[in-house]
Structures are given as structure tokens and as C-alpha cells.
């Protein structure tokens, strides 16, 4: 397992275990100086917490947060 893969797995575990986030199914990919997190969280507060938890752990790497908030997509089109 590469150092980047190990760090990604460690960060995923930290997100799952941190009480502010506690979300399963978030994916963290580390590539050199970039950390990309993706997946779906239950509310905007958890989305903010994801960024906080990762910033505490990624050092000087750039954090790219691609997480979505469940139910926050565009409204469904009305049926006519």
C-alpha cells in the first residue's frame, strides 16, 4: 500500500469515527499534495465538519471537498 493510499484510508477512518461527522461511505483520495473527499453527508453541518476534520489532519496539502448534502440537489421537475 502506497503512502498516499495509507493516508486516504486513515482519513476515511477518522471521518467515520469523529462524532462531528460519523458518516460511512465517504471516500478520500490522496495524490501528492491534494486530498479529495467525496460522498454524501446528511446535512450542511456535517459537510462543514468533514472539512474541519480533514484540515486538522492533512497538513499543508490542498483539500478538495466534493461532498454533497443529501436532498440538496435541484428540485424535481414538475409534471404537467
PDB file of N, CA and C in Angstrom:
ATOM      1  N   UNK A   1       0.861  -1.178   0.000  1.00  0.00           N
ATOM      2  CA  UNK A   1       0.000   0.000   0.000  1.00  0.00           C
ATOM      3  C   UNK A   1       0.905   1.238   0.000  1.00  0.00           C
ATOM      4  N   UNK A   2       0.620   2.159  -0.916  1.00  0.00           N
ATOM      5  CA  UNK A   2       1.434   3.373  -1.003  1.00  0.00           C
ATOM      6  C   UNK A   2       1.136   4.299   0.177  1.00  0.00           C
ATOM      7  N   UNK A   3       2.021   5.252   0.388  1.00  0.00           N
ATOM      8  CA  UNK A   3       1.826   6.224   1.474  1.00  0.00           C
ATOM      9  C   UNK A   3       0.533   7.019   1.268  1.00  0.00           C
ATOM     10  N   UNK A   4       0.241   7.416   0.012  1.00  0.00           N
ATOM     11  CA  UNK A   4      -0.991   8.153  -0.279  1.00  0.00           C
ATOM     12  C   UNK A   4      -2.227   7.301   0.023  1.00  0.00           C
ATOM     13  N   UNK A   5      -2.193   6.020  -0.361  1.00  0.00           N
ATOM     14  CA  UNK A   5      -3.332   5.131  -0.092  1.00  0.00           C
ATOM     15  C   UNK A   5      -3.537   4.928   1.402  1.00  0.00           C
ATOM     16  N   UNK A   6      -2.427   4.762   2.111  1.00  0.00           N
ATOM     17  CA  UNK A   6      -2.493   4.588   3.566  1.00  0.00           C
ATOM     18  C   UNK A   6      -3.113   5.821   4.213  1.00  0.00           C
ATOM     19  N   UNK A   7      -2.672   7.009   3.808  1.00  0.00           N
ATOM     20  CA  UNK A   7      -3.211   8.241   4.373  1.00  0.00           C
ATOM     21  C   UNK A   7      -4.695   8.377   4.038  1.00  0.00           C
ATOM     22  N   UNK A   8      -5.095   8.054   2.809  1.00  0.00           N
ATOM     23  CA  UNK A   8      -6.506   8.115   2.429  1.00  0.00           C
ATOM     24  C   UNK A   8      -7.364   7.216   3.306  1.00  0.00           C
ATOM     25  N   UNK A   9      -6.907   5.989   3.543  1.00  0.00           N
ATOM     26  CA  UNK A   9      -7.649   5.058   4.399  1.00  0.00           C
ATOM     27  C   UNK A   9      -7.719   5.577   5.830  1.00  0.00           C
ATOM     28  N   UNK A  10      -6.624   6.146   6.320  1.00  0.00           N
ATOM     29  CA  UNK A  10      -6.590   6.705   7.676  1.00  0.00           C
ATOM     30  C   UNK A  10      -7.587   7.870   7.806  1.00  0.00           C
ATOM     31  N   UNK A  11      -7.644   8.724   6.777  1.00  0.00           N
ATOM     32  CA  UNK A  11      -8.567   9.863   6.807  1.00  0.00           C
ATOM     33  C   UNK A  11     -10.020   9.404   6.734  1.00  0.00           C
ATOM     34  N   UNK A  12     -10.313   8.383   5.942  1.00  0.00           N
ATOM     35  CA  UNK A  12     -11.673   7.837   5.882  1.00  0.00           C
ATOM     36  C   UNK A  12     -12.085   7.309   7.253  1.00  0.00           C
ATOM     37  N   UNK A  13     -11.174   6.624   7.917  1.00  0.00           N
ATOM     38  CA  UNK A  13     -11.447   6.103   9.262  1.00  0.00           C
ATOM     39  C   UNK A  13     -11.692   7.247  10.242  1.00  0.00           C
ATOM     40  N   UNK A  14     -10.898   8.304  10.151  1.00  0.00           N
ATOM     41  CA  UNK A  14     -11.063   9.457  11.038  1.00  0.00           C
ATOM     42  C   UNK A  14     -12.435  10.096  10.840  1.00  0.00           C
ATOM     43  N   UNK A  15     -12.890  10.199   9.594  1.00  0.00           N
ATOM     44  CA  UNK A  15     -14.212  10.780   9.327  1.00  0.00           C
ATOM     45  C   UNK A  15     -15.324   9.909   9.887  1.00  0.00           C
ATOM     46  N   UNK A  16     -15.180   8.603   9.762  1.00  0.00           N
ATOM     47  CA  UNK A  16     -16.215   7.687  10.255  1.00  0.00           C
ATOM     48  C   UNK A  16     -16.290   7.694  11.777  1.00  0.00           C
ATOM     49  N   UNK A  17     -15.144   7.887  12.436  1.00  0.00           N
ATOM     50  CA  UNK A  17     -15.102   7.796  13.898  1.00  0.00           C
ATOM     51  C   UNK A  17     -15.312   9.129  14.611  1.00  0.00           C
ATOM     52  N   UNK A  18     -15.122  10.244  13.923  1.00  0.00           N
ATOM     53  CA  UNK A  18     -15.278  11.548  14.557  1.00  0.00           C
ATOM     54  C   UNK A  18     -16.761  11.839  14.755  1.00  0.00           C
ATOM     55  N   UNK A  19     -17.155  12.176  15.969  1.00  0.00           N
ATOM     56  CA  UNK A  19     -18.562  12.411  16.293  1.00  0.00           C
ATOM     57  C   UNK A  19     -19.200  13.566  15.536  1.00  0.00           C
ATOM     58  N   UNK A  20     -18.388  14.502  15.067  1.00  0.00           N
ATOM     59  CA  UNK A  20     -18.938  15.621  14.302  1.00  0.00           C
ATOM     60  C   UNK A  20     -19.374  15.196  12.911  1.00  0.00           C
ATOM     61  N   UNK A  21     -18.780  14.134  12.406  1.00  0.00           N
ATOM     62  CA  UNK A  21     -19.074  13.664  11.051  1.00  0.00           C
ATOM     63  C   UNK A  21     -19.846  12.354  11.111  1.00  0.00           C
ATOM     64  N   UNK A  22     -19.197  11.304  11.616  1.00  0.00           N
ATOM     65  CA  UNK A  22     -19.799   9.981  11.790  1.00  0.00           C
ATOM     66  C   UNK A  22     -20.567   9.523  10.561  1.00  0.00           C
ATOM     67  N   UNK A  23     -19.962   9.690   9.398  1.00  0.00           N
ATOM     68  CA  UNK A  23     -20.592   9.274   8.136  1.00  0.00           C
ATOM     69  C   UNK A  23     -19.780   8.134   7.528  1.00  0.00           C
ATOM     70  N   UNK A  24     -20.462   7.053   7.194  1.00  0.00           N
ATOM     71  CA  UNK A  24     -19.843   5.958   6.454  1.00  0.00           C
ATOM     72  C   UNK A  24     -19.953   6.278   4.974  1.00  0.00           C
ATOM     73  N   UNK A  25     -19.100   5.737   4.178  1.00  0.00           N
ATOM     74  CA  UNK A  25     -19.230   5.882   2.736  1.00  0.00           C
ATOM     75  C   UNK A  25     -18.571   7.117   2.148  1.00  0.00           C
ATOM     76  N   UNK A  26     -17.835   7.872   2.941  1.00  0.00           N
ATOM     77  CA  UNK A  26     -17.070   8.975   2.376  1.00  0.00           C
ATOM     78  C   UNK A  26     -15.767   8.403   1.824  1.00  0.00           C
ATOM     79  N   UNK A  27     -15.355   8.902   0.682  1.00  0.00           N
ATOM     80  CA  UNK A  27     -14.139   8.403   0.048  1.00  0.00           C
ATOM     81  C   UNK A  27     -13.101   9.510   0.031  1.00  0.00           C
ATOM     82  N   UNK A  28     -11.894   9.169   0.474  1.00  0.00           N
ATOM     83  CA  UNK A  28     -10.793  10.131   0.483  1.00  0.00           C
ATOM     84  C   UNK A  28      -9.690   9.595  -0.411  1.00  0.00           C
ATOM     85  N   UNK A  29      -9.278  10.413  -1.362  1.00  0.00           N
ATOM     86  CA  UNK A  29      -8.191  10.045  -2.261  1.00  0.00           C
ATOM     87  C   UNK A  29      -7.065  11.067  -2.082  1.00  0.00           C
ATOM     88  N   UNK A  30      -5.862  10.566  -1.885  1.00  0.00           N
ATOM     89  CA  UNK A  30      -4.696  11.422  -1.706  1.00  0.00           C
ATOM     90  C   UNK A  30      -3.780  11.216  -2.909  1.00  0.00           C
ATOM     91  N   UNK A  31      -3.396  12.330  -3.510  1.00  0.00           N
ATOM     92  CA  UNK A  31      -2.459  12.286  -4.637  1.00  0.00           C
ATOM     93  C   UNK A  31      -1.456  13.412  -4.444  1.00  0.00           C
ATOM     94  N   UNK A  32      -0.322  13.069  -3.886  1.00  0.00           N
ATOM     95  CA  UNK A  32       0.716  14.069  -3.645  1.00  0.00           C
ATOM     96  C   UNK A  32       0.253  15.131  -2.673  1.00  0.00           C
ATOM     97  N   UNK A  33       0.130  16.368  -3.157  1.00  0.00           N
ATOM     98  CA  UNK A  33      -0.240  17.465  -2.257  1.00  0.00           C
ATOM     99  C   UNK A  33      -1.736  17.763  -2.268  1.00  0.00           C
ATOM    100  N   UNK A  34      -2.546  16.880  -2.872  1.00  0.00           N
ATOM    101  CA  UNK A  34      -4.006  17.090  -2.918  1.00  0.00           C
ATOM    102  C   UNK A  34      -4.733  15.979  -2.184  1.00  0.00           C
ATOM    103  N   UNK A  35      -5.760  16.369  -1.422  1.00  0.00           N
ATOM    104  CA  UNK A  35      -6.640  15.424  -0.745  1.00  0.00           C
ATOM    105  C   UNK A  35      -8.045  15.721  -1.237  1.00  0.00           C
ATOM    106  N   UNK A  36      -8.679  14.713  -1.841  1.00  0.00           N
ATOM    107  CA  UNK A  36     -10.022  14.887  -2.400  1.00  0.00           C
ATOM    108  C   UNK A  36     -10.975  13.996  -1.612  1.00  0.00           C
ATOM    109  N   UNK A  37     -12.032  14.603  -1.073  1.00  0.00           N
ATOM    110  CA  UNK A  37     -13.049  13.844  -0.352  1.00  0.00           C
ATOM    111  C   UNK A  37     -14.351  13.938  -1.141  1.00  0.00           C
ATOM    112  N   UNK A  38     -15.030  12.792  -1.262  1.00  0.00           N
ATOM    113  CA  UNK A  38     -16.298  12.755  -1.976  1.00  0.00           C
ATOM    114  C   UNK A  38     -17.258  11.822  -1.247  1.00  0.00           C
ATOM    115  N   UNK A  39     -18.524  11.960  -1.580  1.00  0.00           N
ATOM    116  CA  UNK A  39     -19.567  11.159  -0.956  1.00  0.00           C
ATOM    117  C   UNK A  39     -20.724  12.054  -0.569  1.00  0.00           C
ATOM    118  N   UNK A  40     -21.643  11.506   0.204  1.00  0.00           N
ATOM    119  CA  UNK A  40     -22.837  12.240   0.608  1.00  0.00           C
ATOM    120  C   UNK A  40     -22.927  12.282   2.118  1.00  0.00           C
ATOM    121  N   UNK A  41     -23.232  13.465   2.643  1.00  0.00           N
ATOM    122  CA  UNK A  41     -23.444  13.645   4.080  1.00  0.00           C
ATOM    123  C   UNK A  41     -24.900  14.036   4.309  1.00  0.00           C
ATOM    124  N   UNK A  42     -25.341  13.937   5.552  1.00  0.00           N
ATOM    125  CA  UNK A  42     -26.764  14.117   5.838  1.00  0.00           C
ATOM    126  C   UNK A  42     -27.212  15.565   5.945  1.00  0.00           C
ATOM    127  N   UNK A  43     -26.295  16.496   6.261  1.00  0.00           N
ATOM    128  CA  UNK A  43     -26.721  17.890   6.411  1.00  0.00           C
ATOM    129  C   UNK A  43     -25.525  18.832   6.244  1.00  0.00           C
ATOM    130  N   UNK A  44     -25.798  20.134   6.083  1.00  0.00           N
ATOM    131  CA  UNK A  44     -24.709  21.101   5.864  1.00  0.00           C
ATOM    132  C   UNK A  44     -23.699  21.167   7.011  1.00  0.00           C
ATOM    133  N   UNK A  45     -24.153  20.939   8.246  1.00  0.00           N
ATOM    134  CA  UNK A  45     -23.228  20.969   9.378  1.00  0.00           C
ATOM    135  C   UNK A  45     -22.193  19.857   9.262  1.00  0.00           C
ATOM    136  N   UNK A  46     -22.627  18.693   8.801  1.00  0.00           N
ATOM    137  CA  UNK A  46     -21.679  17.583   8.637  1.00  0.00           C
ATOM    138  C   UNK A  46     -20.708  17.872   7.502  1.00  0.00           C
ATOM    139  N   UNK A  47     -21.175  18.539   6.455  1.00  0.00           N
ATOM    140  CA  UNK A  47     -20.283  18.911   5.355  1.00  0.00           C
ATOM    141  C   UNK A  47     -19.171  19.819   5.880  1.00  0.00           C
ATOM    142  N   UNK A  48     -19.540  20.798   6.708  1.00  0.00           N
ATOM    143  CA  UNK A  48     -18.528  21.680   7.301  1.00  0.00           C
ATOM    144  C   UNK A  48     -17.580  20.895   8.206  1.00  0.00           C
ATOM    145  N   UNK A  49     -18.136  19.949   8.952  1.00  0.00           N
ATOM    146  CA  UNK A  49     -17.318  19.146   9.858  1.00  0.00           C
ATOM    147  C   UNK A  49     -16.319  18.283   9.094  1.00  0.00           C
ATOM    148  N   UNK A  50     -16.712  17.775   7.924  1.00  0.00           N
ATOM    149  CA  UNK A  50     -15.789  16.989   7.101  1.00  0.00           C
ATOM    150  C   UNK A  50     -14.544  17.822   6.802  1.00  0.00           C
ATOM    151  N   UNK A  51     -14.753  19.047   6.355  1.00  0.00           N
ATOM    152  CA  UNK A  51     -13.625  19.927   6.035  1.00  0.00           C
ATOM    153  C   UNK A  51     -12.776  20.204   7.274  1.00  0.00           C
ATOM    154  N   UNK A  52     -13.414  20.441   8.411  1.00  0.00           N
ATOM    155  CA  UNK A  52     -12.672  20.709   9.648  1.00  0.00           C
ATOM    156  C   UNK A  52     -11.805  19.523  10.048  1.00  0.00           C
ATOM    157  N   UNK A  53     -12.393  18.337  10.037  1.00  0.00           N
ATOM    158  CA  UNK A  53     -11.666  17.138  10.450  1.00  0.00           C
ATOM    159  C   UNK A  53     -10.466  16.907   9.529  1.00  0.00           C
ATOM    160  N   UNK A  54     -10.689  17.052   8.223  1.00  0.00           N
ATOM    161  CA  UNK A  54      -9.593  16.803   7.296  1.00  0.00           C
ATOM    162  C   UNK A  54      -8.515  17.875   7.380  1.00  0.00           C
ATOM    163  N   UNK A  55      -8.910  19.126   7.510  1.00  0.00           N
ATOM    164  CA  UNK A  55      -7.902  20.196   7.604  1.00  0.00           C
ATOM    165  C   UNK A  55      -6.989  19.993   8.809  1.00  0.00           C
ATOM    166  N   UNK A  56      -7.553  19.444   9.877  1.00  0.00           N
ATOM    167  CA  UNK A  56      -6.752  19.172  11.073  1.00  0.00           C
ATOM    168  C   UNK A  56      -5.690  18.105  10.815  1.00  0.00           C
ATOM    169  N   UNK A  57      -5.885  17.289   9.762  1.00  0.00           N
ATOM    170  CA  UNK A  57      -5.027  16.122   9.561  1.00  0.00           C
ATOM    171  C   UNK A  57      -4.201  16.117   8.284  1.00  0.00           C
ATOM    172  N   UNK A  58      -4.448  17.020   7.353  1.00  0.00           N
ATOM    173  CA  UNK A  58      -3.777  16.921   6.056  1.00  0.00           C
ATOM    174  C   UNK A  58      -2.527  17.786   5.943  1.00  0.00           C
ATOM    175  N   UNK A  59      -2.207  18.524   6.965  1.00  0.00           N
ATOM    176  CA  UNK A  59      -1.010  19.348   6.912  1.00  0.00           C
ATOM    177  C   UNK A  59      -1.130  20.429   5.849  1.00  0.00           C
ATOM    178  N   UNK A  60      -0.107  20.591   5.036  1.00  0.00           N
ATOM    179  CA  UNK A  60      -0.097  21.636   4.023  1.00  0.00           C
ATOM    180  C   UNK A  60      -0.722  21.229   2.701  1.00  0.00           C
ATOM    181  N   UNK A  61      -1.351  20.061   2.652  1.00  0.00           N
ATOM    182  CA  UNK A  61      -1.966  19.617   1.402  1.00  0.00           C
ATOM    183  C   UNK A  61      -3.210  20.435   1.082  1.00  0.00           C
ATOM    184  N   UNK A  62      -3.546  20.505  -0.197  1.00  0.00           N
ATOM    185  CA  UNK A  62      -4.754  21.187  -0.660  1.00  0.00           C
ATOM    186  C   UNK A  62      -5.940  20.247  -0.477  1.00  0.00           C
ATOM    187  N   UNK A  63      -7.000  20.740   0.150  1.00  0.00           N
ATOM    188  CA  UNK A  63      -8.207  19.948   0.364  1.00  0.00           C
ATOM    189  C   UNK A  63      -9.245  20.315  -0.688  1.00  0.00           C
ATOM    190  N   UNK A  64      -9.742  19.299  -1.391  1.00  0.00           N
ATOM    191  CA  UNK A  64     -10.804  19.476  -2.372  1.00  0.00           C
ATOM    192  C   UNK A  64     -12.022  18.717  -1.835  1.00  0.00           C
ATOM    193  N   UNK A  65     -13.066  19.450  -1.483  1.00  0.00           N
ATOM    194  CA  UNK A  65     -14.266  18.860  -0.884  1.00  0.00           C
ATOM    195  C   UNK A  65     -15.362  18.743  -1.940  1.00  0.00           C
ATOM    196  N   UNK A  66     -15.607  17.514  -2.377  1.00  0.00           N
ATOM    197  CA  UNK A  66     -16.645  17.242  -3.372  1.00  0.00           C
ATOM    198  C   UNK A  66     -17.871  16.577  -2.745  1.00  0.00           C
ATOM    199  N   UNK A  67     -17.999  16.668  -1.428  1.00  0.00           N
ATOM    200  CA  UNK A  67     -19.141  16.032  -0.773  1.00  0.00           C
ATOM    201  C   UNK A  67     -20.434  16.755  -1.135  1.00  0.00           C
ATOM    202  N   UNK A  68     -21.516  15.983  -1.178  1.00  0.00           N
ATOM    203  CA  UNK A  68     -22.857  16.506  -1.417  1.00  0.00           C
ATOM    204  C   UNK A  68     -23.672  16.355  -0.141  1.00  0.00           C
ATOM    205  N   UNK A  69     -24.663  17.210   0.008  1.00  0.00           N
ATOM    206  CA  UNK A  69     -25.594  17.101   1.119  1.00  0.00           C
ATOM    207  C   UNK A  69     -26.832  16.387   0.596  1.00  0.00           C
ATOM    208  N   UNK A  70     -27.254  15.335   1.275  1.00  0.00           N
ATOM    209  CA  UNK A  70     -28.412  14.559   0.849  1.00  0.00           C
ATOM    210  C   UNK A  70     -29.636  15.451   0.713  1.00  0.00           C
ATOM    211  N   UNK A  71     -30.339  15.315  -0.396  1.00  0.00           N
ATOM    212  CA  UNK A  71     -31.561  16.066  -0.606  1.00  0.00           C
ATOM    213  C   UNK A  71     -31.367  17.504  -0.996  1.00  0.00           C
ATOM    214  N   UNK A  72     -30.130  17.907  -1.305  1.00  0.00           N
ATOM    215  CA  UNK A  72     -29.909  19.319  -1.621  1.00  0.00           C
ATOM    216  C   UNK A  72     -29.767  19.570  -3.109  1.00  0.00           C
ATOM    217  N   UNK A  73     -30.063  18.573  -3.914  1.00  0.00           N
ATOM    218  CA  UNK A  73     -29.965  18.748  -5.356  1.00  0.00           C
ATOM    219  C   UNK A  73     -31.075  19.623  -5.883  1.00  0.00           C
ATOM    220  N   UNK A  74     -31.100  19.827  -7.176  1.00  0.00           N
ATOM    221  CA  UNK A  74     -32.145  20.666  -7.757  1.00  0.00           C
ATOM    222  C   UNK A  74     -33.527  20.045  -7.548  1.00  0.00           C
ATOM    223  N   UNK A  75     -34.548  20.850  -7.416  1.00  0.00           N
ATOM    224  CA  UNK A  75     -35.881  20.292  -7.215  1.00  0.00           C
ATOM    225  C   UNK A  75     -36.312  19.493  -8.441  1.00  0.00           C
ATOM    226  N   UNK A  76     -37.118  18.458  -8.219  1.00  0.00           N
ATOM    227  CA  UNK A  76     -37.569  17.675  -9.364  1.00  0.00           C
ATOM    228  C   UNK A  76     -38.458  18.530 -10.272  1.00  0.00           C
ATOM    229  N   UNK A  77     -38.433  18.216 -11.563  1.00  0.00           N
ATOM    230  CA  UNK A  77     -39.266  18.948 -12.498  1.00  0.00           C
ATOM    231  C   UNK A  77     -40.726  18.642 -12.223  1.00  0.00           C
ATOM    232  N   UNK A  78     -41.557  19.661 -12.361  1.00  0.00           N
ATOM    233  CA  UNK A  78     -42.989  19.464 -12.123  1.00  0.00           C
ATOM    234  C   UNK A  78     -43.587  18.714 -13.298  1.00  0.00           C
ATOM    235  N   UNK A  79     -44.501  17.836 -12.992  1.00  0.00           N
ATOM    236  CA  UNK A  79     -45.223  17.123 -14.043  1.00  0.00           C
ATOM    237  C   UNK A  79     -46.364  18.004 -14.517  1.00  0.00           C
ATOM    238  N   UNK A  80     -46.514  18.104 -15.801  1.00  0.00           N
ATOM    239  CA  UNK A  80     -47.574  18.959 -16.365  1.00  0.00           C
ATOM    240  C   UNK A  80     -48.711  18.122 -16.842  1.00  0.00           C
TER     241      UNK A  80
END
